[in-house]
Amino acid sequence: MMHLSGSMTISPPSKGGIDLVHEINKLRKKRNAVILAHYYQHPDIQDVADFIGDSLELCRKAAATEADVIVFCGVHFMAETAKILNPNKTVLIPDVNAGCSLADDCPSDKFEKFRAKYPDHFVVTYINCTADVKAQSDLICTSSNAVELIKKIPKDKEILFSPDKNLGKWVQAQCGRELTIWEGSCVVHENFSEEALLKLQLEHPEAKTIAHPECLPNLLGLADYIGSTTKLLKYADESESSSFIVVTEPGILHQMRLKIPSKIFYDVPGIDGCSCNECPYMRLNNLENLHTCLLNMEPKIEMEEDIRLKALRPIELMLEMSS
C-alpha cells in the first residue's frame, strides 16, 4: 500500500488481485524490455515507463536502446517508427487500435496522388503518419524540430508539407517560407474551445497561455508561447510565471505537476464543454493491456522490409539534421 495523510490509503492498480505494476516490472526484467511512453499517456502509464517524452525524444530513445523488446505506449505510428529504427527488435504496442486521426487523414494512396501534383517539391512529412507515407517522404519532422529543419532546406527548393495543416501554417509563418500543405488535422487539438480559453484567461490574468502548434490558428493567436510538449514543459519550468493555461492534450499536465509542483496548471475544456481533451487513441493503452502485451508478447508491429527501408531514410535524415 501507498500511504497518504491521515488514514487514507491507495491500493496499487490490480487485475484479478494481481499488483499490475509489480507484474509489469517482473516481465520487463524477464523480457529485457524498455517501456517508452508519450506525454499524452494516462498518468499510470507514465509512472511505470522507463522513458517519457515527445515524438522526437522517443524516436531518439528507440534508436539508441539496447533492450531486446520495445513496448511503445503511444499510438500506432510511434510504434511503427520504433520498428523502422529497430528491425531486429520486438516492438509491441499495448493496444493495436491506438491509432491517430492525423495518420488516418493521410492515406498512402491519396498522398501518392497529392505528391504527383508537385513532382519537384521537397516532401517534408510530420512524424504523425503511417510508415507507407514516411516511405514516400524526403524528410520527417516533429513539432519539436519542424521550424529548425524547414529553415535548413535551401530557399530555392519548394516544399510540400503534410499532414497537419495547423502545424504547417504555423511553421510557414515562423520560417517565412511558402509551403504546399496537406489539409489534415488532429481531432484533439482542433477541439479546444476558444470561448473556454478566453474565460480562463479572464479568470487567471496572471497565467501564461502555452499551446501546441497543432491547435487552430485562432487559439495560437491567444497563446504567449507555442511549442511541442517537451518545449511547453521546459518553458513552464524556466518561466517566471507561477501559473499556466495549457492548450494541448492534458496528459502533459501530469509531468508538469510532478516536475514543477510549485506551479499551477489549468487545462482547457473542449468545444462540447468536457473538462478535458483526452486523446481517445492514446488512452486506449492502460496498465492492464500493458501487462498483457508483455505477458503474451503481442500485439507486435510488423512491416515489409522495402517499406521499412524507404521510411528509414527520411527519419535518419531528420536525426542527422536535428541539433
C-alpha atoms as a PDB file:
ATOM      1  CA  MET A   1       0.000   0.000   0.000  1.00  0.00           C
ATOM      2  CA  MET A   2       0.981   3.653  -0.577  1.00  0.00           C
ATOM      3  CA  HIS A   3       0.067   5.747   2.468  1.00  0.00           C
ATOM      4  CA  LEU A   4      -1.063   9.347   2.259  1.00  0.00           C
ATOM      5  CA  SER A   5      -2.098  11.742   5.017  1.00  0.00           C
ATOM      6  CA  GLY A   6      -4.347  10.519   7.807  1.00  0.00           C
ATOM      7  CA  SER A   7      -5.928   7.114   7.353  1.00  0.00           C
ATOM      8  CA  MET A   8      -6.288   7.369   3.572  1.00  0.00           C
ATOM      9  CA  THR A   9      -4.592   4.650   1.518  1.00  0.00           C
ATOM     10  CA  ILE A  10      -4.393   3.978  -2.209  1.00  0.00           C
ATOM     11  CA  SER A  11      -4.142   0.417  -3.427  1.00  0.00           C
ATOM     12  CA  PRO A  12      -1.843  -0.306  -6.359  1.00  0.00           C
ATOM     13  CA  PRO A  13      -3.636  -0.936  -9.688  1.00  0.00           C
ATOM     14  CA  SER A  14      -4.616  -4.583  -9.938  1.00  0.00           C
ATOM     15  CA  LYS A  15      -6.226  -7.150 -12.214  1.00  0.00           C
ATOM     16  CA  GLY A  16      -7.838 -10.116 -10.567  1.00  0.00           C
ATOM     17  CA  GLY A  17      -5.943  -9.372  -7.358  1.00  0.00           C
ATOM     18  CA  ILE A  18      -2.593  -9.053  -9.162  1.00  0.00           C
ATOM     19  CA  ASP A  19      -0.465  -5.980  -8.499  1.00  0.00           C
ATOM     20  CA  LEU A  20      -0.073  -4.842 -12.115  1.00  0.00           C
ATOM     21  CA  VAL A  21       2.922  -2.578 -11.571  1.00  0.00           C
ATOM     22  CA  HIS A  22       4.786  -5.347  -9.760  1.00  0.00           C
ATOM     23  CA  GLU A  23       3.988  -7.856 -12.522  1.00  0.00           C
ATOM     24  CA  ILE A  24       4.920  -5.382 -15.275  1.00  0.00           C
ATOM     25  CA  ASN A  25       8.259  -4.806 -13.592  1.00  0.00           C
ATOM     26  CA  LYS A  26       8.894  -8.565 -13.367  1.00  0.00           C
ATOM     27  CA  LEU A  27       8.043  -9.076 -17.035  1.00  0.00           C
ATOM     28  CA  ARG A  28      10.067  -6.044 -18.116  1.00  0.00           C
ATOM     29  CA  LYS A  29      13.151  -7.590 -16.495  1.00  0.00           C
ATOM     30  CA  LYS A  30      12.398 -11.074 -17.841  1.00  0.00           C
ATOM     31  CA  ARG A  31      11.910  -9.819 -21.422  1.00  0.00           C
ATOM     32  CA  ASN A  32      14.759  -7.279 -21.283  1.00  0.00           C
ATOM     33  CA  ALA A  33      12.143  -4.741 -22.327  1.00  0.00           C
ATOM     34  CA  VAL A  34      12.102  -0.958 -22.334  1.00  0.00           C
ATOM     35  CA  ILE A  35       8.797   0.874 -21.914  1.00  0.00           C
ATOM     36  CA  LEU A  36       8.507   4.147 -23.831  1.00  0.00           C
ATOM     37  CA  ALA A  37       5.561   6.446 -23.115  1.00  0.00           C
ATOM     38  CA  HIS A  38       4.374   9.639 -24.739  1.00  0.00           C
ATOM     39  CA  TYR A  39       3.392  12.610 -22.573  1.00  0.00           C
ATOM     40  CA  TYR A  40      -0.236  12.093 -23.609  1.00  0.00           C
ATOM     41  CA  GLN A  41      -0.467   8.685 -21.949  1.00  0.00           C
ATOM     42  CA  HIS A  42      -2.501   8.143 -18.785  1.00  0.00           C
ATOM     43  CA  PRO A  43      -0.509   9.046 -15.634  1.00  0.00           C
ATOM     44  CA  ASP A  44      -0.437   5.366 -14.587  1.00  0.00           C
ATOM     45  CA  ILE A  45       1.425   4.525 -17.801  1.00  0.00           C
ATOM     46  CA  GLN A  46       3.785   7.473 -17.433  1.00  0.00           C
ATOM     47  CA  ASP A  47       4.651   6.408 -13.893  1.00  0.00           C
ATOM     48  CA  VAL A  48       5.703   2.903 -14.963  1.00  0.00           C
ATOM     49  CA  ALA A  49       7.590   3.917 -18.123  1.00  0.00           C
ATOM     50  CA  ASP A  50      11.377   3.875 -18.474  1.00  0.00           C
ATOM     51  CA  PHE A  51      11.314   6.973 -20.656  1.00  0.00           C
ATOM     52  CA  ILE A  52       8.671   9.661 -21.211  1.00  0.00           C
ATOM     53  CA  GLY A  53       8.853  12.226 -23.975  1.00  0.00           C
ATOM     54  CA  ASP A  54       7.535  13.727 -27.165  1.00  0.00           C
ATOM     55  CA  SER A  55       7.857  12.113 -30.583  1.00  0.00           C
ATOM     56  CA  LEU A  56      11.407  13.346 -31.217  1.00  0.00           C
ATOM     57  CA  GLU A  57      12.730  12.308 -27.804  1.00  0.00           C
ATOM     58  CA  LEU A  58      11.120   8.881 -28.028  1.00  0.00           C
ATOM     59  CA  CYS A  59      12.416   8.414 -31.560  1.00  0.00           C
ATOM     60  CA  ARG A  60      15.939   9.002 -30.270  1.00  0.00           C
ATOM     61  CA  LYS A  61      15.404   6.655 -27.318  1.00  0.00           C
ATOM     62  CA  ALA A  62      14.096   3.954 -29.656  1.00  0.00           C
ATOM     63  CA  ALA A  63      17.139   4.382 -31.915  1.00  0.00           C
ATOM     64  CA  ALA A  64      19.579   4.112 -29.010  1.00  0.00           C
ATOM     65  CA  THR A  65      18.066   1.343 -26.883  1.00  0.00           C
ATOM     66  CA  GLU A  66      19.907  -1.911 -26.226  1.00  0.00           C
ATOM     67  CA  ALA A  67      16.771  -3.656 -24.979  1.00  0.00           C
ATOM     68  CA  ASP A  68      15.512  -6.734 -26.821  1.00  0.00           C
ATOM     69  CA  VAL A  69      11.904  -5.584 -26.610  1.00  0.00           C
ATOM     70  CA  ILE A  70      10.413  -2.113 -27.038  1.00  0.00           C
ATOM     71  CA  VAL A  71       6.936  -1.562 -25.631  1.00  0.00           C
ATOM     72  CA  PHE A  72       5.644   1.682 -27.102  1.00  0.00           C
ATOM     73  CA  CYS A  73       2.884   3.247 -25.040  1.00  0.00           C
ATOM     74  CA  GLY A  74       1.661   5.770 -27.547  1.00  0.00           C
ATOM     75  CA  VAL A  75      -0.143   5.434 -30.852  1.00  0.00           C
ATOM     76  CA  HIS A  76       0.478   3.123 -33.784  1.00  0.00           C
ATOM     77  CA  PHE A  77       2.663   5.401 -35.919  1.00  0.00           C
ATOM     78  CA  MET A  78       5.043   5.847 -32.954  1.00  0.00           C
ATOM     79  CA  ALA A  79       5.446   2.101 -32.527  1.00  0.00           C
ATOM     80  CA  GLU A  80       5.930   1.785 -36.289  1.00  0.00           C
ATOM     81  CA  THR A  81       8.716   4.371 -36.112  1.00  0.00           C
ATOM     82  CA  ALA A  82      10.418   2.339 -33.390  1.00  0.00           C
ATOM     83  CA  LYS A  83      10.225  -0.753 -35.611  1.00  0.00           C
ATOM     84  CA  ILE A  84      11.619   1.169 -38.592  1.00  0.00           C
ATOM     85  CA  LEU A  85      14.632   2.066 -36.453  1.00  0.00           C
ATOM     86  CA  ASN A  86      14.915  -1.385 -34.848  1.00  0.00           C
ATOM     87  CA  PRO A  87      14.139  -4.129 -37.388  1.00  0.00           C
ATOM     88  CA  ASN A  88      15.765  -6.853 -35.280  1.00  0.00           C
ATOM     89  CA  LYS A  89      13.972  -5.984 -32.059  1.00  0.00           C
ATOM     90  CA  THR A  90      10.478  -6.950 -30.974  1.00  0.00           C
ATOM     91  CA  VAL A  91       8.252  -3.873 -30.878  1.00  0.00           C
ATOM     92  CA  LEU A  92       4.957  -4.112 -29.027  1.00  0.00           C
ATOM     93  CA  ILE A  93       2.034  -1.737 -28.522  1.00  0.00           C
ATOM     94  CA  PRO A  94      -0.435  -2.431 -25.684  1.00  0.00           C
ATOM     95  CA  ASP A  95      -3.499  -1.749 -27.858  1.00  0.00           C
ATOM     96  CA  VAL A  96      -3.152  -2.168 -31.619  1.00  0.00           C
ATOM     97  CA  ASN A  97      -6.232   0.031 -32.106  1.00  0.00           C
ATOM     98  CA  ALA A  98      -4.396   3.074 -30.727  1.00  0.00           C
ATOM     99  CA  GLY A  99      -4.400   4.986 -33.984  1.00  0.00           C
ATOM    100  CA  CYS A 100      -4.149   8.685 -34.879  1.00  0.00           C
ATOM    101  CA  SER A 101      -6.603  10.986 -36.641  1.00  0.00           C
ATOM    102  CA  LEU A 102      -3.724  12.721 -38.454  1.00  0.00           C
ATOM    103  CA  ALA A 103      -2.387   9.438 -39.813  1.00  0.00           C
ATOM    104  CA  ASP A 104      -5.926   8.432 -40.802  1.00  0.00           C
ATOM    105  CA  ASP A 105      -6.368  11.786 -42.583  1.00  0.00           C
ATOM    106  CA  CYS A 106      -3.443  10.996 -44.873  1.00  0.00           C
ATOM    107  CA  PRO A 107      -3.849   7.545 -46.506  1.00  0.00           C
ATOM    108  CA  SER A 108      -0.857   6.500 -48.581  1.00  0.00           C
ATOM    109  CA  ASP A 109      -2.741   6.173 -51.886  1.00  0.00           C
ATOM    110  CA  LYS A 110      -4.168   9.695 -51.676  1.00  0.00           C
ATOM    111  CA  PHE A 111      -0.821  11.036 -50.505  1.00  0.00           C
ATOM    112  CA  GLU A 112       0.840   9.483 -53.558  1.00  0.00           C
ATOM    113  CA  LYS A 113      -1.594  11.310 -55.840  1.00  0.00           C
ATOM    114  CA  PHE A 114      -1.029  14.554 -53.927  1.00  0.00           C
ATOM    115  CA  ARG A 115       2.748  14.228 -54.320  1.00  0.00           C
ATOM    116  CA  ALA A 116       2.360  13.533 -58.038  1.00  0.00           C
ATOM    117  CA  LYS A 117       0.881  17.023 -58.488  1.00  0.00           C
ATOM    118  CA  TYR A 118       4.113  18.546 -57.165  1.00  0.00           C
ATOM    119  CA  PRO A 119       6.919  16.367 -58.568  1.00  0.00           C
ATOM    120  CA  ASP A 120       9.637  18.986 -57.969  1.00  0.00           C
ATOM    121  CA  HIS A 121       8.722  19.671 -54.328  1.00  0.00           C
ATOM    122  CA  PHE A 122      10.821  18.501 -51.382  1.00  0.00           C
ATOM    123  CA  VAL A 123       8.475  16.386 -49.249  1.00  0.00           C
ATOM    124  CA  VAL A 124       8.558  17.155 -45.516  1.00  0.00           C
ATOM    125  CA  THR A 125       6.195  14.972 -43.512  1.00  0.00           C
ATOM    126  CA  TYR A 126       5.208  15.304 -39.880  1.00  0.00           C
ATOM    127  CA  ILE A 127       6.020  12.127 -37.960  1.00  0.00           C
ATOM    128  CA  ASN A 128       2.296  11.637 -37.224  1.00  0.00           C
ATOM    129  CA  CYS A 129       1.781   9.458 -40.306  1.00  0.00           C
ATOM    130  CA  THR A 130       1.967   5.823 -41.370  1.00  0.00           C
ATOM    131  CA  ALA A 131       5.121   4.009 -42.440  1.00  0.00           C
ATOM    132  CA  ASP A 132       3.773   3.956 -46.027  1.00  0.00           C
ATOM    133  CA  VAL A 133       3.587   7.763 -46.056  1.00  0.00           C
ATOM    134  CA  LYS A 134       7.005   8.113 -44.428  1.00  0.00           C
ATOM    135  CA  ALA A 135       8.352   5.912 -47.212  1.00  0.00           C
ATOM    136  CA  GLN A 136       7.172   8.499 -49.766  1.00  0.00           C
ATOM    137  CA  SER A 137       8.842  11.404 -47.946  1.00  0.00           C
ATOM    138  CA  ASP A 138      12.205  13.150 -48.253  1.00  0.00           C
ATOM    139  CA  LEU A 139      12.354  14.288 -44.626  1.00  0.00           C
ATOM    140  CA  ILE A 140      10.408  13.541 -41.446  1.00  0.00           C
ATOM    141  CA  CYS A 141       9.905  16.228 -38.807  1.00  0.00           C
ATOM    142  CA  THR A 142       8.295  16.559 -35.384  1.00  0.00           C
ATOM    143  CA  SER A 143       6.657  19.553 -33.727  1.00  0.00           C
ATOM    144  CA  SER A 144       9.927  19.998 -31.809  1.00  0.00           C
ATOM    145  CA  ASN A 145      12.154  20.394 -34.858  1.00  0.00           C
ATOM    146  CA  ALA A 146       9.880  21.335 -37.792  1.00  0.00           C
ATOM    147  CA  VAL A 147      10.861  25.017 -37.828  1.00  0.00           C
ATOM    148  CA  GLU A 148      14.563  24.219 -37.418  1.00  0.00           C
ATOM    149  CA  LEU A 149      14.516  21.688 -40.270  1.00  0.00           C
ATOM    150  CA  ILE A 150      12.494  23.802 -42.706  1.00  0.00           C
ATOM    151  CA  LYS A 151      14.939  26.675 -42.217  1.00  0.00           C
ATOM    152  CA  LYS A 152      17.795  24.365 -43.253  1.00  0.00           C
ATOM    153  CA  ILE A 153      16.209  23.492 -46.610  1.00  0.00           C
ATOM    154  CA  PRO A 154      17.602  25.640 -49.467  1.00  0.00           C
ATOM    155  CA  LYS A 155      15.289  28.582 -50.179  1.00  0.00           C
ATOM    156  CA  ASP A 156      15.094  27.791 -53.882  1.00  0.00           C
ATOM    157  CA  LYS A 157      13.527  24.427 -53.033  1.00  0.00           C
ATOM    158  CA  GLU A 158       9.724  24.271 -52.972  1.00  0.00           C
ATOM    159  CA  ILE A 159       8.308  22.315 -50.041  1.00  0.00           C
ATOM    160  CA  LEU A 160       5.302  20.049 -49.669  1.00  0.00           C
ATOM    161  CA  PHE A 161       4.255  19.723 -46.006  1.00  0.00           C
ATOM    162  CA  SER A 162       1.938  17.028 -44.644  1.00  0.00           C
ATOM    163  CA  PRO A 163      -0.301  16.029 -42.961  1.00  0.00           C
ATOM    164  CA  ASP A 164      -1.154  18.665 -40.281  1.00  0.00           C
ATOM    165  CA  LYS A 165      -2.429  21.928 -41.766  1.00  0.00           C
ATOM    166  CA  ASN A 166      -2.308  23.822 -38.457  1.00  0.00           C
ATOM    167  CA  LEU A 167       1.287  22.870 -37.743  1.00  0.00           C
ATOM    168  CA  GLY A 168       2.102  23.592 -41.388  1.00  0.00           C
ATOM    169  CA  LYS A 169       0.616  27.095 -41.265  1.00  0.00           C
ATOM    170  CA  TRP A 170       2.440  27.870 -38.029  1.00  0.00           C
ATOM    171  CA  VAL A 171       5.762  26.589 -39.407  1.00  0.00           C
ATOM    172  CA  GLN A 172       5.180  28.603 -42.579  1.00  0.00           C
ATOM    173  CA  ALA A 173       4.737  31.780 -40.527  1.00  0.00           C
ATOM    174  CA  GLN A 174       7.778  31.039 -38.349  1.00  0.00           C
ATOM    175  CA  CYS A 175      10.047  30.338 -41.309  1.00  0.00           C
ATOM    176  CA  GLY A 176       8.756  32.856 -43.820  1.00  0.00           C
ATOM    177  CA  ARG A 177       8.548  30.031 -46.370  1.00  0.00           C
ATOM    178  CA  GLU A 178       5.634  29.260 -48.644  1.00  0.00           C
ATOM    179  CA  LEU A 179       4.567  25.640 -48.076  1.00  0.00           C
ATOM    180  CA  THR A 180       2.151  23.493 -50.047  1.00  0.00           C
ATOM    181  CA  ILE A 181       0.137  21.980 -47.199  1.00  0.00           C
ATOM    182  CA  TRP A 182      -1.961  18.819 -46.925  1.00  0.00           C
ATOM    183  CA  GLU A 183      -5.322  19.509 -45.257  1.00  0.00           C
ATOM    184  CA  GLY A 184      -5.141  17.166 -42.241  1.00  0.00           C
ATOM    185  CA  SER A 185      -5.721  17.906 -38.567  1.00  0.00           C
ATOM    186  CA  CYS A 186      -5.633  16.412 -35.066  1.00  0.00           C
ATOM    187  CA  VAL A 187      -9.061  15.620 -33.642  1.00  0.00           C
ATOM    188  CA  VAL A 188      -7.871  16.583 -30.148  1.00  0.00           C
ATOM    189  CA  HIS A 189      -6.129  19.869 -30.923  1.00  0.00           C
ATOM    190  CA  GLU A 190      -8.978  21.078 -33.135  1.00  0.00           C
ATOM    191  CA  ASN A 191     -11.480  20.547 -30.330  1.00  0.00           C
ATOM    192  CA  PHE A 192     -10.358  23.147 -27.809  1.00  0.00           C
ATOM    193  CA  SER A 193     -12.919  25.838 -27.068  1.00  0.00           C
ATOM    194  CA  GLU A 194     -11.834  29.417 -27.779  1.00  0.00           C
ATOM    195  CA  GLU A 195     -14.629  30.636 -25.507  1.00  0.00           C
ATOM    196  CA  ALA A 196     -13.389  28.442 -22.646  1.00  0.00           C
ATOM    197  CA  LEU A 197      -9.812  29.615 -23.186  1.00  0.00           C
ATOM    198  CA  LEU A 198     -10.848  33.291 -23.112  1.00  0.00           C
ATOM    199  CA  LYS A 199     -12.846  32.641 -19.933  1.00  0.00           C
ATOM    200  CA  LEU A 200      -9.821  31.022 -18.262  1.00  0.00           C
ATOM    201  CA  GLN A 201      -7.644  33.947 -19.321  1.00  0.00           C
ATOM    202  CA  LEU A 202     -10.116  36.377 -17.725  1.00  0.00           C
ATOM    203  CA  GLU A 203     -10.287  34.287 -14.539  1.00  0.00           C
ATOM    204  CA  HIS A 204      -6.494  33.927 -14.319  1.00  0.00           C
ATOM    205  CA  PRO A 205      -4.949  37.042 -15.924  1.00  0.00           C
ATOM    206  CA  GLU A 206      -1.600  36.264 -14.318  1.00  0.00           C
ATOM    207  CA  ALA A 207      -1.345  32.866 -16.049  1.00  0.00           C
ATOM    208  CA  LYS A 208       0.686  32.366 -19.228  1.00  0.00           C
ATOM    209  CA  THR A 209      -1.119  30.560 -22.046  1.00  0.00           C
ATOM    210  CA  ILE A 210       1.017  27.874 -23.676  1.00  0.00           C
ATOM    211  CA  ALA A 211      -0.154  25.892 -26.710  1.00  0.00           C
ATOM    212  CA  HIS A 212       0.823  23.092 -29.077  1.00  0.00           C
ATOM    213  CA  PRO A 213       1.171  24.153 -32.744  1.00  0.00           C
ATOM    214  CA  GLU A 214      -1.385  21.552 -33.861  1.00  0.00           C
ATOM    215  CA  CYS A 215      -4.062  23.874 -32.407  1.00  0.00           C
ATOM    216  CA  LEU A 216      -6.212  26.098 -34.615  1.00  0.00           C
ATOM    217  CA  PRO A 217      -4.700  29.475 -35.586  1.00  0.00           C
ATOM    218  CA  ASN A 218      -7.267  31.454 -33.552  1.00  0.00           C
ATOM    219  CA  LEU A 219      -6.129  29.622 -30.392  1.00  0.00           C
ATOM    220  CA  LEU A 220      -2.446  30.006 -31.240  1.00  0.00           C
ATOM    221  CA  GLY A 221      -3.124  33.724 -31.590  1.00  0.00           C
ATOM    222  CA  LEU A 222      -4.131  33.798 -27.929  1.00  0.00           C
ATOM    223  CA  ALA A 223      -1.002  31.994 -26.710  1.00  0.00           C
ATOM    224  CA  ASP A 224       2.027  33.532 -25.001  1.00  0.00           C
ATOM    225  CA  TYR A 225       4.183  30.599 -26.077  1.00  0.00           C
ATOM    226  CA  ILE A 226       3.817  27.881 -28.734  1.00  0.00           C
ATOM    227  CA  GLY A 227       5.824  24.661 -28.797  1.00  0.00           C
ATOM    228  CA  SER A 228       5.959  20.877 -28.698  1.00  0.00           C
ATOM    229  CA  THR A 229       5.047  19.068 -25.495  1.00  0.00           C
ATOM    230  CA  THR A 230       8.691  18.954 -24.394  1.00  0.00           C
ATOM    231  CA  LYS A 231       9.146  22.647 -25.144  1.00  0.00           C
ATOM    232  CA  LEU A 232       5.958  23.515 -23.246  1.00  0.00           C
ATOM    233  CA  LEU A 233       7.286  21.633 -20.225  1.00  0.00           C
ATOM    234  CA  LYS A 234      10.654  23.380 -20.484  1.00  0.00           C
ATOM    235  CA  TYR A 235       9.045  26.807 -20.856  1.00  0.00           C
ATOM    236  CA  ALA A 236       6.828  26.265 -17.816  1.00  0.00           C
ATOM    237  CA  ASP A 237       9.852  25.202 -15.781  1.00  0.00           C
ATOM    238  CA  GLU A 238      12.008  28.164 -16.784  1.00  0.00           C
ATOM    239  CA  SER A 239       9.341  30.877 -16.884  1.00  0.00           C
ATOM    240  CA  GLU A 240       8.989  33.326 -14.021  1.00  0.00           C
ATOM    241  CA  SER A 241       5.230  32.843 -14.176  1.00  0.00           C
ATOM    242  CA  SER A 242       3.691  30.690 -11.439  1.00  0.00           C
ATOM    243  CA  SER A 243       0.618  29.546 -13.394  1.00  0.00           C
ATOM    244  CA  PHE A 244      -0.168  28.347 -16.916  1.00  0.00           C
ATOM    245  CA  ILE A 245      -3.163  27.639 -19.117  1.00  0.00           C
ATOM    246  CA  VAL A 246      -2.155  24.598 -21.172  1.00  0.00           C
ATOM    247  CA  VAL A 247      -3.696  24.131 -24.627  1.00  0.00           C
ATOM    248  CA  THR A 248      -2.762  20.571 -25.527  1.00  0.00           C
ATOM    249  CA  GLU A 249      -3.717  17.026 -24.526  1.00  0.00           C
ATOM    250  CA  PRO A 250      -3.868  17.063 -20.702  1.00  0.00           C
ATOM    251  CA  GLY A 251      -1.587  14.053 -20.198  1.00  0.00           C
ATOM    252  CA  ILE A 252       1.337  16.504 -20.180  1.00  0.00           C
ATOM    253  CA  LEU A 253      -0.085  18.159 -17.047  1.00  0.00           C
ATOM    254  CA  HIS A 254       0.904  15.070 -15.039  1.00  0.00           C
ATOM    255  CA  GLN A 255       4.590  15.620 -15.826  1.00  0.00           C
ATOM    256  CA  MET A 256       4.272  19.366 -15.340  1.00  0.00           C
ATOM    257  CA  ARG A 257       2.831  18.887 -11.864  1.00  0.00           C
ATOM    258  CA  LEU A 258       5.428  16.253 -10.977  1.00  0.00           C
ATOM    259  CA  LYS A 259       8.418  18.255 -12.206  1.00  0.00           C
ATOM    260  CA  ILE A 260       7.190  21.717 -11.184  1.00  0.00           C
ATOM    261  CA  PRO A 261       4.986  21.139  -8.112  1.00  0.00           C
ATOM    262  CA  SER A 262       5.214  24.775  -7.042  1.00  0.00           C
ATOM    263  CA  LYS A 263       3.323  25.971 -10.124  1.00  0.00           C
ATOM    264  CA  ILE A 264      -0.350  25.788 -11.140  1.00  0.00           C
ATOM    265  CA  PHE A 265      -1.593  24.342 -14.448  1.00  0.00           C
ATOM    266  CA  TYR A 266      -5.073  24.668 -15.971  1.00  0.00           C
ATOM    267  CA  ASP A 267      -6.374  22.517 -18.810  1.00  0.00           C
ATOM    268  CA  VAL A 268      -8.783  23.937 -21.388  1.00  0.00           C
ATOM    269  CA  PRO A 269     -12.238  22.401 -21.985  1.00  0.00           C
ATOM    270  CA  GLY A 270     -13.260  21.163 -25.383  1.00  0.00           C
ATOM    271  CA  ILE A 271     -15.950  22.628 -27.621  1.00  0.00           C
ATOM    272  CA  ASP A 272     -18.532  20.233 -26.161  1.00  0.00           C
ATOM    273  CA  GLY A 273     -17.801  21.553 -22.647  1.00  0.00           C
ATOM    274  CA  CYS A 274     -15.972  18.475 -21.343  1.00  0.00           C
ATOM    275  CA  SER A 275     -13.451  19.161 -18.613  1.00  0.00           C
ATOM    276  CA  CYS A 276     -10.509  17.977 -20.694  1.00  0.00           C
ATOM    277  CA  ASN A 277      -9.423  16.944 -24.171  1.00  0.00           C
ATOM    278  CA  GLU A 278      -8.017  13.459 -23.694  1.00  0.00           C
ATOM    279  CA  CYS A 279      -6.903  11.745 -26.893  1.00  0.00           C
ATOM    280  CA  PRO A 280      -9.227   8.745 -27.307  1.00  0.00           C
ATOM    281  CA  TYR A 281      -6.473   6.811 -29.083  1.00  0.00           C
ATOM    282  CA  MET A 282      -3.675   7.495 -26.601  1.00  0.00           C
ATOM    283  CA  ARG A 283      -5.940   6.493 -23.726  1.00  0.00           C
ATOM    284  CA  LEU A 284      -6.610   3.030 -25.153  1.00  0.00           C
ATOM    285  CA  ASN A 285      -3.334   1.948 -23.537  1.00  0.00           C
ATOM    286  CA  ASN A 286      -3.602   1.099 -19.850  1.00  0.00           C
ATOM    287  CA  LEU A 287      -1.757  -0.942 -17.231  1.00  0.00           C
ATOM    288  CA  GLU A 288      -3.895  -4.000 -17.894  1.00  0.00           C
ATOM    289  CA  ASN A 289      -3.148  -4.267 -21.612  1.00  0.00           C
ATOM    290  CA  LEU A 290       0.465  -3.211 -20.994  1.00  0.00           C
ATOM    291  CA  HIS A 291       0.785  -6.213 -18.673  1.00  0.00           C
ATOM    292  CA  THR A 292      -0.979  -8.482 -21.175  1.00  0.00           C
ATOM    293  CA  CYS A 293       1.237  -7.460 -24.095  1.00  0.00           C
ATOM    294  CA  LEU A 294       4.401  -8.101 -22.055  1.00  0.00           C
ATOM    295  CA  LEU A 295       2.986 -11.437 -20.913  1.00  0.00           C
ATOM    296  CA  ASN A 296       1.946 -12.640 -24.393  1.00  0.00           C
ATOM    297  CA  MET A 297       4.464 -10.627 -26.469  1.00  0.00           C
ATOM    298  CA  GLU A 298       1.579  -9.337 -28.602  1.00  0.00           C
ATOM    299  CA  PRO A 299       0.476  -7.227 -30.460  1.00  0.00           C
ATOM    300  CA  LYS A 300       3.704  -6.974 -32.470  1.00  0.00           C
ATOM    301  CA  ILE A 301       4.497  -4.295 -35.019  1.00  0.00           C
ATOM    302  CA  GLU A 302       5.479  -5.807 -38.355  1.00  0.00           C
ATOM    303  CA  MET A 303       6.081  -4.305 -41.802  1.00  0.00           C
ATOM    304  CA  GLU A 304       7.518  -5.152 -45.187  1.00  0.00           C
ATOM    305  CA  GLU A 305      11.279  -4.626 -45.401  1.00  0.00           C
ATOM    306  CA  ASP A 306      11.148  -2.466 -48.530  1.00  0.00           C
ATOM    307  CA  ILE A 307       8.702  -0.079 -46.842  1.00  0.00           C
ATOM    308  CA  ARG A 308      10.850  -0.014 -43.708  1.00  0.00           C
ATOM    309  CA  LEU A 309      13.993   0.864 -45.647  1.00  0.00           C
ATOM    310  CA  LYS A 310      12.254   3.620 -47.607  1.00  0.00           C
ATOM    311  CA  ALA A 311      10.755   5.039 -44.397  1.00  0.00           C
ATOM    312  CA  LEU A 312      14.100   4.807 -42.594  1.00  0.00           C
ATOM    313  CA  ARG A 313      15.895   7.274 -44.881  1.00  0.00           C
ATOM    314  CA  PRO A 314      13.818  10.399 -44.076  1.00  0.00           C
ATOM    315  CA  ILE A 315      13.841   9.544 -40.358  1.00  0.00           C
ATOM    316  CA  GLU A 316      17.631   9.179 -40.337  1.00  0.00           C
ATOM    317  CA  LEU A 317      17.940  12.467 -42.194  1.00  0.00           C
ATOM    318  CA  MET A 318      15.779  14.119 -39.531  1.00  0.00           C
ATOM    319  CA  LEU A 319      18.015  12.773 -36.763  1.00  0.00           C
ATOM    320  CA  GLU A 320      21.130  13.930 -38.639  1.00  0.00           C
ATOM    321  CA  MET A 321      19.739  17.434 -39.221  1.00  0.00           C
ATOM    322  CA  SER A 322      18.292  17.938 -35.729  1.00  0.00           C
ATOM    323  CA  SER A 323      20.557  19.803 -33.352  1.00  0.00           C
END
